[in-house]
Amino acid sequence: MSKVLIIEDNVDLSNLFQMVLDIHGISSEICRDGRDAAGAIDSIRPQVVVLDMHLPHVSGASIFEHIKKDYPEIAVLIVTADRDLYSEYRNKTKAFLKPMDMDALHHEVRSAL
């Protein structure tokens, strides 16, 4: 079972996130479509979700609300290039503004596990 679910539609960025975590011995899976995210969360039951806010078909905000309602024990780390969304969510959970430091991402994921 993966401990981390990366929900990010950008292929290069999601692969980079996974590679950084893998280098540090953290197992992860990738979901690239908001429409598939709820099912992935339900089946994988990750400890941590790295969540992009702009996804195809279902918004990151909707996915965030699903997690907080149905799985409050899951830590959510928001990643976004949208400064307004960053400002809105950084008080609700750990948030990163893209581009971000990969060491900081690794540190926050490790801390949440």
PDB file of N, CA and C in Angstrom:
ATOM      1  N   MET A   1       0.845  -1.184   0.000  1.00  0.00           N
ATOM      2  CA  MET A   1       0.000   0.000   0.000  1.00  0.00           C
ATOM      3  C   MET A   1       0.890   1.246   0.000  1.00  0.00           C
ATOM      4  N   SER A   2       0.585   2.176  -0.875  1.00  0.00           N
ATOM      5  CA  SER A   2       1.342   3.415  -0.935  1.00  0.00           C
ATOM      6  C   SER A   2       0.985   4.298   0.240  1.00  0.00           C
ATOM      7  N   LYS A   3       1.982   4.974   0.748  1.00  0.00           N
ATOM      8  CA  LYS A   3       1.745   5.905   1.839  1.00  0.00           C
ATOM      9  C   LYS A   3       1.370   7.278   1.317  1.00  0.00           C
ATOM     10  N   VAL A   4       1.767   7.581   0.067  1.00  0.00           N
ATOM     11  CA  VAL A   4       1.539   8.910  -0.489  1.00  0.00           C
ATOM     12  C   VAL A   4       0.836   8.785  -1.829  1.00  0.00           C
ATOM     13  N   LEU A   5      -0.177   9.617  -2.020  1.00  0.00           N
ATOM     14  CA  LEU A   5      -0.860   9.727  -3.303  1.00  0.00           C
ATOM     15  C   LEU A   5      -0.590  11.120  -3.843  1.00  0.00           C
ATOM     16  N   ILE A   6      -0.009  11.166  -5.035  1.00  0.00           N
ATOM     17  CA  ILE A   6       0.274  12.433  -5.714  1.00  0.00           C
ATOM     18  C   ILE A   6      -0.847  12.662  -6.716  1.00  0.00           C
ATOM     19  N   ILE A   7      -1.600  13.733  -6.542  1.00  0.00           N
ATOM     20  CA  ILE A   7      -2.677  14.079  -7.472  1.00  0.00           C
ATOM     21  C   ILE A   7      -2.225  15.336  -8.200  1.00  0.00           C
ATOM     22  N   GLU A   8      -1.682  15.129  -9.389  1.00  0.00           N
ATOM     23  CA  GLU A   8      -1.062  16.205 -10.180  1.00  0.00           C
ATOM     24  C   GLU A   8      -1.170  15.833 -11.648  1.00  0.00           C
ATOM     25  N   ASP A   9      -1.785  16.708 -12.458  1.00  0.00           N
ATOM     26  CA  ASP A   9      -1.991  16.393 -13.872  1.00  0.00           C
ATOM     27  C   ASP A   9      -0.765  16.640 -14.747  1.00  0.00           C
ATOM     28  N   ASN A  10       0.183  17.429 -14.296  1.00  0.00           N
ATOM     29  CA  ASN A  10       1.395  17.675 -15.070  1.00  0.00           C
ATOM     30  C   ASN A  10       2.300  16.447 -14.950  1.00  0.00           C
ATOM     31  N   VAL A  11       2.510  15.774 -16.080  1.00  0.00           N
ATOM     32  CA  VAL A  11       3.253  14.515 -16.083  1.00  0.00           C
ATOM     33  C   VAL A  11       4.669  14.703 -15.548  1.00  0.00           C
ATOM     34  N   ASP A  12       5.373  15.707 -16.044  1.00  0.00           N
ATOM     35  CA  ASP A  12       6.759  15.923 -15.600  1.00  0.00           C
ATOM     36  C   ASP A  12       6.830  16.225 -14.106  1.00  0.00           C
ATOM     37  N   LEU A  13       5.933  17.065 -13.640  1.00  0.00           N
ATOM     38  CA  LEU A  13       5.954  17.446 -12.226  1.00  0.00           C
ATOM     39  C   LEU A  13       5.561  16.275 -11.326  1.00  0.00           C
ATOM     40  N   SER A  14       4.531  15.539 -11.709  1.00  0.00           N
ATOM     41  CA  SER A  14       4.129  14.389 -10.884  1.00  0.00           C
ATOM     42  C   SER A  14       5.238  13.342 -10.847  1.00  0.00           C
ATOM     43  N   ASN A  15       5.905  13.117 -11.977  1.00  0.00           N
ATOM     44  CA  ASN A  15       7.029  12.175 -11.996  1.00  0.00           C
ATOM     45  C   ASN A  15       8.190  12.676 -11.134  1.00  0.00           C
ATOM     46  N   LEU A  16       8.446  13.987 -11.157  1.00  0.00           N
ATOM     47  CA  LEU A  16       9.490  14.569 -10.315  1.00  0.00           C
ATOM     48  C   LEU A  16       9.154  14.378  -8.839  1.00  0.00           C
ATOM     49  N   PHE A  17       7.915  14.668  -8.449  1.00  0.00           N
ATOM     50  CA  PHE A  17       7.499  14.459  -7.061  1.00  0.00           C
ATOM     51  C   PHE A  17       7.742  13.006  -6.654  1.00  0.00           C
ATOM     52  N   GLN A  18       7.313  12.080  -7.514  1.00  0.00           N
ATOM     53  CA  GLN A  18       7.457  10.662  -7.202  1.00  0.00           C
ATOM     54  C   GLN A  18       8.939  10.267  -7.101  1.00  0.00           C
ATOM     55  N   MET A  19       9.758  10.772  -7.998  1.00  0.00           N
ATOM     56  CA  MET A  19      11.175  10.454  -7.981  1.00  0.00           C
ATOM     57  C   MET A  19      11.838  10.962  -6.696  1.00  0.00           C
ATOM     58  N   VAL A  20      11.524  12.184  -6.300  1.00  0.00           N
ATOM     59  CA  VAL A  20      12.093  12.748  -5.072  1.00  0.00           C
ATOM     60  C   VAL A  20      11.695  11.900  -3.869  1.00  0.00           C
ATOM     61  N   LEU A  21      10.436  11.527  -3.795  1.00  0.00           N
ATOM     62  CA  LEU A  21       9.986  10.704  -2.669  1.00  0.00           C
ATOM     63  C   LEU A  21      10.634   9.329  -2.712  1.00  0.00           C
ATOM     64  N   ASP A  22      10.718   8.746  -3.911  1.00  0.00           N
ATOM     65  CA  ASP A  22      11.316   7.423  -4.069  1.00  0.00           C
ATOM     66  C   ASP A  22      12.780   7.418  -3.621  1.00  0.00           C
ATOM     67  N   ILE A  23      13.519   8.461  -3.981  1.00  0.00           N
ATOM     68  CA  ILE A  23      14.930   8.575  -3.575  1.00  0.00           C
ATOM     69  C   ILE A  23      15.055   8.503  -2.049  1.00  0.00           C
ATOM     70  N   HIS A  24      14.046   9.010  -1.353  1.00  0.00           N
ATOM     71  CA  HIS A  24      14.068   9.021   0.110  1.00  0.00           C
ATOM     72  C   HIS A  24      13.323   7.834   0.714  1.00  0.00           C
ATOM     73  N   GLY A  25      13.017   6.834  -0.113  1.00  0.00           N
ATOM     74  CA  GLY A  25      12.401   5.609   0.379  1.00  0.00           C
ATOM     75  C   GLY A  25      10.931   5.711   0.705  1.00  0.00           C
ATOM     76  N   ILE A  26      10.250   6.687   0.114  1.00  0.00           N
ATOM     77  CA  ILE A  26       8.818   6.878   0.375  1.00  0.00           C
ATOM     78  C   ILE A  26       8.028   6.395  -0.828  1.00  0.00           C
ATOM     79  N   SER A  27       7.175   5.420  -0.612  1.00  0.00           N
ATOM     80  CA  SER A  27       6.347   4.853  -1.672  1.00  0.00           C
ATOM     81  C   SER A  27       5.215   5.810  -2.036  1.00  0.00           C
ATOM     82  N   SER A  28       4.971   5.946  -3.332  1.00  0.00           N
ATOM     83  CA  SER A  28       3.890   6.841  -3.764  1.00  0.00           C
ATOM     84  C   SER A  28       3.245   6.314  -5.032  1.00  0.00           C
ATOM     85  N   GLU A  29       2.041   6.776  -5.266  1.00  0.00           N
ATOM     86  CA  GLU A  29       1.327   6.518  -6.508  1.00  0.00           C
ATOM     87  C   GLU A  29       0.862   7.850  -7.060  1.00  0.00           C
ATOM     88  N   ILE A  30       0.622   7.875  -8.367  1.00  0.00           N
ATOM     89  CA  ILE A  30       0.219   9.103  -9.051  1.00  0.00           C
ATOM     90  C   ILE A  30      -1.186   8.947  -9.608  1.00  0.00           C
ATOM     91  N   CYS A  31      -1.974   9.995  -9.453  1.00  0.00           N
ATOM     92  CA  CYS A  31      -3.279  10.133 -10.090  1.00  0.00           C
ATOM     93  C   CYS A  31      -3.247  11.461 -10.835  1.00  0.00           C
ATOM     94  N   ARG A  32      -3.568  11.450 -12.135  1.00  0.00           N
ATOM     95  CA  ARG A  32      -3.417  12.669 -12.935  1.00  0.00           C
ATOM     96  C   ARG A  32      -4.749  13.298 -13.356  1.00  0.00           C
ATOM     97  N   ASP A  33      -5.841  12.791 -12.877  1.00  0.00           N
ATOM     98  CA  ASP A  33      -7.143  13.313 -13.288  1.00  0.00           C
ATOM     99  C   ASP A  33      -8.034  13.452 -12.055  1.00  0.00           C
ATOM    100  N   GLY A  34      -8.588  14.627 -11.863  1.00  0.00           N
ATOM    101  CA  GLY A  34      -9.452  14.860 -10.723  1.00  0.00           C
ATOM    102  C   GLY A  34     -10.627  13.911 -10.648  1.00  0.00           C
ATOM    103  N   ARG A  35     -11.083  13.452 -11.794  1.00  0.00           N
ATOM    104  CA  ARG A  35     -12.222  12.541 -11.859  1.00  0.00           C
ATOM    105  C   ARG A  35     -11.882  11.197 -11.214  1.00  0.00           C
ATOM    106  N   ASP A  36     -10.610  10.804 -11.252  1.00  0.00           N
ATOM    107  CA  ASP A  36     -10.186   9.519 -10.695  1.00  0.00           C
ATOM    108  C   ASP A  36      -9.684   9.638  -9.256  1.00  0.00           C
ATOM    109  N   ALA A  37      -9.543  10.847  -8.769  1.00  0.00           N
ATOM    110  CA  ALA A  37      -8.904  11.073  -7.471  1.00  0.00           C
ATOM    111  C   ALA A  37      -9.672  10.461  -6.305  1.00  0.00           C
ATOM    112  N   ALA A  38     -10.980  10.642  -6.252  1.00  0.00           N
ATOM    113  CA  ALA A  38     -11.758  10.109  -5.121  1.00  0.00           C
ATOM    114  C   ALA A  38     -11.638   8.593  -5.051  1.00  0.00           C
ATOM    115  N   GLY A  39     -11.718   7.938  -6.194  1.00  0.00           N
ATOM    116  CA  GLY A  39     -11.574   6.484  -6.218  1.00  0.00           C
ATOM    117  C   GLY A  39     -10.192   6.043  -5.790  1.00  0.00           C
ATOM    118  N   ALA A  40      -9.164   6.785  -6.211  1.00  0.00           N
ATOM    119  CA  ALA A  40      -7.793   6.457  -5.816  1.00  0.00           C
ATOM    120  C   ALA A  40      -7.615   6.619  -4.306  1.00  0.00           C
ATOM    121  N   ILE A  41      -8.177   7.671  -3.760  1.00  0.00           N
ATOM    122  CA  ILE A  41      -8.089   7.889  -2.305  1.00  0.00           C
ATOM    123  C   ILE A  41      -8.812   6.771  -1.570  1.00  0.00           C
ATOM    124  N   ASP A  42     -10.002   6.424  -2.042  1.00  0.00           N
ATOM    125  CA  ASP A  42     -10.789   5.368  -1.397  1.00  0.00           C
ATOM    126  C   ASP A  42     -10.082   4.019  -1.433  1.00  0.00           C
ATOM    127  N   SER A  43      -9.415   3.699  -2.545  1.00  0.00           N
ATOM    128  CA  SER A  43      -8.783   2.384  -2.665  1.00  0.00           C
ATOM    129  C   SER A  43      -7.385   2.334  -2.057  1.00  0.00           C
ATOM    130  N   ILE A  44      -6.619   3.407  -2.181  1.00  0.00           N
ATOM    131  CA  ILE A  44      -5.237   3.413  -1.689  1.00  0.00           C
ATOM    132  C   ILE A  44      -5.172   3.706  -0.200  1.00  0.00           C
ATOM    133  N   ARG A  45      -6.062   4.588   0.278  1.00  0.00           N
ATOM    134  CA  ARG A  45      -6.059   5.040   1.666  1.00  0.00           C
ATOM    135  C   ARG A  45      -4.682   5.533   2.092  1.00  0.00           C
ATOM    136  N   PRO A  46      -4.173   6.554   1.397  1.00  0.00           N
ATOM    137  CA  PRO A  46      -2.833   7.060   1.706  1.00  0.00           C
ATOM    138  C   PRO A  46      -2.804   7.774   3.047  1.00  0.00           C
ATOM    139  N   GLN A  47      -1.600   7.927   3.577  1.00  0.00           N
ATOM    140  CA  GLN A  47      -1.418   8.735   4.774  1.00  0.00           C
ATOM    141  C   GLN A  47      -1.289  10.203   4.416  1.00  0.00           C
ATOM    142  N   VAL A  48      -0.754  10.458   3.197  1.00  0.00           N
ATOM    143  CA  VAL A  48      -0.515  11.820   2.731  1.00  0.00           C
ATOM    144  C   VAL A  48      -0.981  11.941   1.291  1.00  0.00           C
ATOM    145  N   VAL A  49      -1.623  13.064   0.968  1.00  0.00           N
ATOM    146  CA  VAL A  49      -1.973  13.399  -0.408  1.00  0.00           C
ATOM    147  C   VAL A  49      -1.267  14.697  -0.766  1.00  0.00           C
ATOM    148  N   VAL A  50      -0.523  14.655  -1.877  1.00  0.00           N
ATOM    149  CA  VAL A  50       0.065  15.858  -2.458  1.00  0.00           C
ATOM    150  C   VAL A  50      -0.912  16.271  -3.551  1.00  0.00           C
ATOM    151  N   LEU A  51      -1.569  17.408  -3.380  1.00  0.00           N
ATOM    152  CA  LEU A  51      -2.726  17.773  -4.198  1.00  0.00           C
ATOM    153  C   LEU A  51      -2.525  19.068  -4.976  1.00  0.00           C
ATOM    154  N   ASP A  52      -2.538  18.934  -6.299  1.00  0.00           N
ATOM    155  CA  ASP A  52      -2.573  20.107  -7.178  1.00  0.00           C
ATOM    156  C   ASP A  52      -3.995  20.662  -7.143  1.00  0.00           C
ATOM    157  N   MET A  53      -4.139  21.954  -7.264  1.00  0.00           N
ATOM    158  CA  MET A  53      -5.467  22.552  -7.180  1.00  0.00           C
ATOM    159  C   MET A  53      -6.162  22.720  -8.527  1.00  0.00           C
ATOM    160  N   HIS A  54      -5.403  22.716  -9.624  1.00  0.00           N
ATOM    161  CA  HIS A  54      -5.998  22.834 -10.962  1.00  0.00           C
ATOM    162  C   HIS A  54      -5.844  21.504 -11.678  1.00  0.00           C
ATOM    163  N   LEU A  55      -6.926  20.746 -11.699  1.00  0.00           N
ATOM    164  CA  LEU A  55      -6.933  19.412 -12.294  1.00  0.00           C
ATOM    165  C   LEU A  55      -8.031  19.311 -13.339  1.00  0.00           C
ATOM    166  N   PRO A  56      -7.872  18.388 -14.285  1.00  0.00           N
ATOM    167  CA  PRO A  56      -8.958  18.181 -15.235  1.00  0.00           C
ATOM    168  C   PRO A  56     -10.169  17.530 -14.555  1.00  0.00           C
ATOM    169  N   HIS A  57     -11.338  17.983 -14.921  1.00  0.00           N
ATOM    170  CA  HIS A  57     -12.652  17.411 -14.586  1.00  0.00           C
ATOM    171  C   HIS A  57     -13.169  17.675 -13.177  1.00  0.00           C
ATOM    172  N   VAL A  58     -12.326  17.608 -12.158  1.00  0.00           N
ATOM    173  CA  VAL A  58     -12.759  17.876 -10.783  1.00  0.00           C
ATOM    174  C   VAL A  58     -11.686  18.747 -10.137  1.00  0.00           C
ATOM    175  N   SER A  59     -12.091  19.795  -9.481  1.00  0.00           N
ATOM    176  CA  SER A  59     -11.121  20.733  -8.902  1.00  0.00           C
ATOM    177  C   SER A  59     -10.419  20.151  -7.682  1.00  0.00           C
ATOM    178  N   GLY A  60      -9.232  20.661  -7.441  1.00  0.00           N
ATOM    179  CA  GLY A  60      -8.508  20.298  -6.232  1.00  0.00           C
ATOM    180  C   GLY A  60      -9.290  20.677  -4.976  1.00  0.00           C
ATOM    181  N   ALA A  61     -10.028  21.776  -5.053  1.00  0.00           N
ATOM    182  CA  ALA A  61     -10.848  22.200  -3.906  1.00  0.00           C
ATOM    183  C   ALA A  61     -11.891  21.145  -3.556  1.00  0.00           C
ATOM    184  N   SER A  62     -12.537  20.563  -4.563  1.00  0.00           N
ATOM    185  CA  SER A  62     -13.529  19.505  -4.322  1.00  0.00           C
ATOM    186  C   SER A  62     -12.885  18.271  -3.714  1.00  0.00           C
ATOM    187  N   ILE A  63     -11.703  17.926  -4.210  1.00  0.00           N
ATOM    188  CA  ILE A  63     -10.985  16.767  -3.684  1.00  0.00           C
ATOM    189  C   ILE A  63     -10.559  17.033  -2.237  1.00  0.00           C
ATOM    190  N   PHE A  64     -10.080  18.235  -1.968  1.00  0.00           N
ATOM    191  CA  PHE A  64      -9.702  18.620  -0.615  1.00  0.00           C
ATOM    192  C   PHE A  64     -10.885  18.453   0.341  1.00  0.00           C
ATOM    193  N   GLU A  65     -12.054  18.934  -0.061  1.00  0.00           N
ATOM    194  CA  GLU A  65     -13.247  18.819   0.787  1.00  0.00           C
ATOM    195  C   GLU A  65     -13.635  17.361   1.004  1.00  0.00           C
ATOM    196  N   HIS A  66     -13.530  16.532  -0.031  1.00  0.00           N
ATOM    197  CA  HIS A  66     -13.815  15.088   0.096  1.00  0.00           C
ATOM    198  C   HIS A  66     -12.897  14.460   1.136  1.00  0.00           C
ATOM    199  N   ILE A  67     -11.613  14.776   1.049  1.00  0.00           N
ATOM    200  CA  ILE A  67     -10.653  14.198   1.995  1.00  0.00           C
ATOM    201  C   ILE A  67     -10.972  14.656   3.414  1.00  0.00           C
ATOM    202  N   LYS A  68     -11.181  15.946   3.609  1.00  0.00           N
ATOM    203  CA  LYS A  68     -11.418  16.474   4.957  1.00  0.00           C
ATOM    204  C   LYS A  68     -12.722  15.933   5.550  1.00  0.00           C
ATOM    205  N   LYS A  69     -13.715  15.688   4.701  1.00  0.00           N
ATOM    206  CA  LYS A  69     -15.001  15.172   5.185  1.00  0.00           C
ATOM    207  C   LYS A  69     -14.926  13.677   5.488  1.00  0.00           C
ATOM    208  N   ASP A  70     -14.388  12.909   4.542  1.00  0.00           N
ATOM    209  CA  ASP A  70     -14.431  11.454   4.660  1.00  0.00           C
ATOM    210  C   ASP A  70     -13.173  10.824   5.253  1.00  0.00           C
ATOM    211  N   TYR A  71     -12.052  11.525   5.163  1.00  0.00           N
ATOM    212  CA  TYR A  71     -10.776  10.990   5.652  1.00  0.00           C
ATOM    213  C   TYR A  71      -9.978  12.071   6.387  1.00  0.00           C
ATOM    214  N   PRO A  72     -10.468  12.572   7.479  1.00  0.00           N
ATOM    215  CA  PRO A  72      -9.767  13.672   8.162  1.00  0.00           C
ATOM    216  C   PRO A  72      -8.379  13.288   8.668  1.00  0.00           C
ATOM    217  N   GLU A  73      -8.101  12.003   8.758  1.00  0.00           N
ATOM    218  CA  GLU A  73      -6.783  11.559   9.218  1.00  0.00           C
ATOM    219  C   GLU A  73      -5.698  11.678   8.139  1.00  0.00           C
ATOM    220  N   ILE A  74      -6.093  11.883   6.878  1.00  0.00           N
ATOM    221  CA  ILE A  74      -5.134  12.010   5.785  1.00  0.00           C
ATOM    222  C   ILE A  74      -4.576  13.432   5.762  1.00  0.00           C
ATOM    223  N   ALA A  75      -3.255  13.532   5.770  1.00  0.00           N
ATOM    224  CA  ALA A  75      -2.605  14.842   5.646  1.00  0.00           C
ATOM    225  C   ALA A  75      -2.637  15.269   4.180  1.00  0.00           C
ATOM    226  N   VAL A  76      -2.990  16.519   3.936  1.00  0.00           N
ATOM    227  CA  VAL A  76      -3.043  17.048   2.571  1.00  0.00           C
ATOM    228  C   VAL A  76      -2.028  18.171   2.441  1.00  0.00           C
ATOM    229  N   LEU A  77      -1.169  18.045   1.428  1.00  0.00           N
ATOM    230  CA  LEU A  77      -0.205  19.088   1.098  1.00  0.00           C
ATOM    231  C   LEU A  77      -0.622  19.675  -0.240  1.00  0.00           C
ATOM    232  N   ILE A  78      -0.993  20.932  -0.239  1.00  0.00           N
ATOM    233  CA  ILE A  78      -1.455  21.613  -1.445  1.00  0.00           C
ATOM    234  C   ILE A  78      -0.253  22.110  -2.241  1.00  0.00           C
ATOM    235  N   VAL A  79      -0.296  21.903  -3.558  1.00  0.00           N
ATOM    236  CA  VAL A  79       0.692  22.486  -4.465  1.00  0.00           C
ATOM    237  C   VAL A  79      -0.063  23.227  -5.560  1.00  0.00           C
ATOM    238  N   THR A  80       0.282  24.492  -5.741  1.00  0.00           N
ATOM    239  CA  THR A  80      -0.423  25.295  -6.732  1.00  0.00           C
ATOM    240  C   THR A  80       0.455  26.436  -7.228  1.00  0.00           C
ATOM    241  N   ALA A  81       0.208  26.839  -8.463  1.00  0.00           N
ATOM    242  CA  ALA A  81       0.874  28.027  -9.012  1.00  0.00           C
ATOM    243  C   ALA A  81      -0.021  29.257  -8.851  1.00  0.00           C
ATOM    244  N   ASP A  82      -1.227  29.057  -8.384  1.00  0.00           N
ATOM    245  CA  ASP A  82      -2.217  30.114  -8.227  1.00  0.00           C
ATOM    246  C   ASP A  82      -2.030  30.795  -6.864  1.00  0.00           C
ATOM    247  N   ARG A  83      -1.565  32.018  -6.877  1.00  0.00           N
ATOM    248  CA  ARG A  83      -1.289  32.735  -5.627  1.00  0.00           C
ATOM    249  C   ARG A  83      -2.535  32.912  -4.763  1.00  0.00           C
ATOM    250  N   ASP A  84      -3.690  33.119  -5.392  1.00  0.00           N
ATOM    251  CA  ASP A  84      -4.925  33.288  -4.621  1.00  0.00           C
ATOM    252  C   ASP A  84      -5.294  31.994  -3.886  1.00  0.00           C
ATOM    253  N   LEU A  85      -5.192  30.860  -4.587  1.00  0.00           N
ATOM    254  CA  LEU A  85      -5.483  29.574  -3.943  1.00  0.00           C
ATOM    255  C   LEU A  85      -4.458  29.264  -2.854  1.00  0.00           C
ATOM    256  N   TYR A  86      -3.218  29.584  -3.122  1.00  0.00           N
ATOM    257  CA  TYR A  86      -2.176  29.397  -2.103  1.00  0.00           C
ATOM    258  C   TYR A  86      -2.539  30.186  -0.842  1.00  0.00           C
ATOM    259  N   SER A  87      -2.899  31.448  -1.017  1.00  0.00           N
ATOM    260  CA  SER A  87      -3.268  32.287   0.130  1.00  0.00           C
ATOM    261  C   SER A  87      -4.484  31.735   0.857  1.00  0.00           C
ATOM    262  N   GLU A  88      -5.448  31.210   0.112  1.00  0.00           N
ATOM    263  CA  GLU A  88      -6.664  30.662   0.713  1.00  0.00           C
ATOM    264  C   GLU A  88      -6.399  29.387   1.510  1.00  0.00           C
ATOM    265  N   TYR A  89      -5.549  28.511   1.000  1.00  0.00           N
ATOM    266  CA  TYR A  89      -5.361  27.193   1.610  1.00  0.00           C
ATOM    267  C   TYR A  89      -4.205  27.090   2.592  1.00  0.00           C
ATOM    268  N   ARG A  90      -3.288  28.021   2.570  1.00  0.00           N
ATOM    269  CA  ARG A  90      -2.121  27.881   3.457  1.00  0.00           C
ATOM    270  C   ARG A  90      -2.496  27.958   4.931  1.00  0.00           C
ATOM    271  N   ASN A  91      -3.666  28.488   5.253  1.00  0.00           N
ATOM    272  CA  ASN A  91      -4.124  28.505   6.641  1.00  0.00           C
ATOM    273  C   ASN A  91      -4.941  27.268   7.000  1.00  0.00           C
ATOM    274  N   LYS A  92      -5.281  26.461   5.984  1.00  0.00           N
ATOM    275  CA  LYS A  92      -6.067  25.246   6.217  1.00  0.00           C
ATOM    276  C   LYS A  92      -5.189  24.006   6.287  1.00  0.00           C
ATOM    277  N   THR A  93      -4.056  24.043   5.590  1.00  0.00           N
ATOM    278  CA  THR A  93      -3.149  22.906   5.511  1.00  0.00           C
ATOM    279  C   THR A  93      -1.808  23.411   5.006  1.00  0.00           C
ATOM    280  N   LYS A  94      -0.825  22.562   4.966  1.00  0.00           N
ATOM    281  CA  LYS A  94       0.469  22.961   4.418  1.00  0.00           C
ATOM    282  C   LYS A  94       0.305  23.186   2.924  1.00  0.00           C
ATOM    283  N   ALA A  95       0.789  24.308   2.435  1.00  0.00           N
ATOM    284  CA  ALA A  95       0.646  24.647   1.019  1.00  0.00           C
ATOM    285  C   ALA A  95       1.980  25.111   0.455  1.00  0.00           C
ATOM    286  N   PHE A  96       2.191  24.793  -0.818  1.00  0.00           N
ATOM    287  CA  PHE A  96       3.396  25.189  -1.536  1.00  0.00           C
ATOM    288  C   PHE A  96       2.993  25.957  -2.779  1.00  0.00           C
ATOM    289  N   LEU A  97       3.743  26.988  -3.067  1.00  0.00           N
ATOM    290  CA  LEU A  97       3.542  27.770  -4.284  1.00  0.00           C
ATOM    291  C   LEU A  97       4.569  27.292  -5.306  1.00  0.00           C
ATOM    292  N   LYS A  98       4.076  26.871  -6.464  1.00  0.00           N
ATOM    293  CA  LYS A  98       4.973  26.408  -7.533  1.00  0.00           C
ATOM    294  C   LYS A  98       5.672  27.603  -8.162  1.00  0.00           C
ATOM    295  N   PRO A  99       6.924  27.482  -8.578  1.00  0.00           N
ATOM    296  CA  PRO A  99       7.800  26.324  -8.374  1.00  0.00           C
ATOM    297  C   PRO A  99       8.234  26.260  -6.916  1.00  0.00           C
ATOM    298  N   MET A 100       8.477  25.065  -6.454  1.00  0.00           N
ATOM    299  CA  MET A 100       8.785  24.882  -5.049  1.00  0.00           C
ATOM    300  C   MET A 100      10.052  24.075  -4.862  1.00  0.00           C
ATOM    301  N   ASP A 101      10.539  24.115  -3.671  1.00  0.00           N
ATOM    302  CA  ASP A 101      11.753  23.408  -3.290  1.00  0.00           C
ATOM    303  C   ASP A 101      11.407  21.934  -3.020  1.00  0.00           C
ATOM    304  N   MET A 102      12.061  21.039  -3.720  1.00  0.00           N
ATOM    305  CA  MET A 102      11.777  19.607  -3.563  1.00  0.00           C
ATOM    306  C   MET A 102      12.204  19.089  -2.203  1.00  0.00           C
ATOM    307  N   ASP A 103      13.252  19.665  -1.627  1.00  0.00           N
ATOM    308  CA  ASP A 103      13.638  19.259  -0.275  1.00  0.00           C
ATOM    309  C   ASP A 103      12.552  19.621   0.729  1.00  0.00           C
ATOM    310  N   ALA A 104      11.931  20.770   0.541  1.00  0.00           N
ATOM    311  CA  ALA A 104      10.838  21.179   1.440  1.00  0.00           C
ATOM    312  C   ALA A 104       9.646  20.236   1.289  1.00  0.00           C
ATOM    313  N   LEU A 105       9.350  19.837   0.055  1.00  0.00           N
ATOM    314  CA  LEU A 105       8.250  18.883  -0.163  1.00  0.00           C
ATOM    315  C   LEU A 105       8.564  17.566   0.539  1.00  0.00           C
ATOM    316  N   HIS A 106       9.758  17.050   0.317  1.00  0.00           N
ATOM    317  CA  HIS A 106      10.147  15.794   0.966  1.00  0.00           C
ATOM    318  C   HIS A 106      10.035  15.913   2.484  1.00  0.00           C
ATOM    319  N   HIS A 107      10.539  17.001   3.034  1.00  0.00           N
ATOM    320  CA  HIS A 107      10.499  17.209   4.480  1.00  0.00           C
ATOM    321  C   HIS A 107       9.062  17.201   5.009  1.00  0.00           C
ATOM    322  N   GLU A 108       8.171  17.895   4.321  1.00  0.00           N
ATOM    323  CA  GLU A 108       6.768  17.961   4.786  1.00  0.00           C
ATOM    324  C   GLU A 108       6.065  16.617   4.656  1.00  0.00           C
ATOM    325  N   VAL A 109       6.346  15.900   3.562  1.00  0.00           N
ATOM    326  CA  VAL A 109       5.754  14.555   3.420  1.00  0.00           C
ATOM    327  C   VAL A 109       6.267  13.660   4.536  1.00  0.00           C
ATOM    328  N   ARG A 110       7.555  13.663   4.758  1.00  0.00           N
ATOM    329  CA  ARG A 110       8.155  12.821   5.800  1.00  0.00           C
ATOM    330  C   ARG A 110       7.565  13.174   7.178  1.00  0.00           C
ATOM    331  N   SER A 111       7.392  14.452   7.447  1.00  0.00           N
ATOM    332  CA  SER A 111       6.827  14.893   8.721  1.00  0.00           C
ATOM    333  C   SER A 111       5.388  14.422   8.912  1.00  0.00           C
ATOM    334  N   ALA A 112       4.656  14.325   7.803  1.00  0.00           N
ATOM    335  CA  ALA A 112       3.238  13.939   7.874  1.00  0.00           C
ATOM    336  C   ALA A 112       3.043  12.423   7.997  1.00  0.00           C
ATOM    337  N   LEU A 113       4.078  11.665   7.689  1.00  0.00           N
ATOM    338  CA  LEU A 113       3.944  10.199   7.746  1.00  0.00           C
ATOM    339  C   LEU A 113       4.001   9.661   9.164  1.00  0.00           C
TER     340      LEU A 113
END
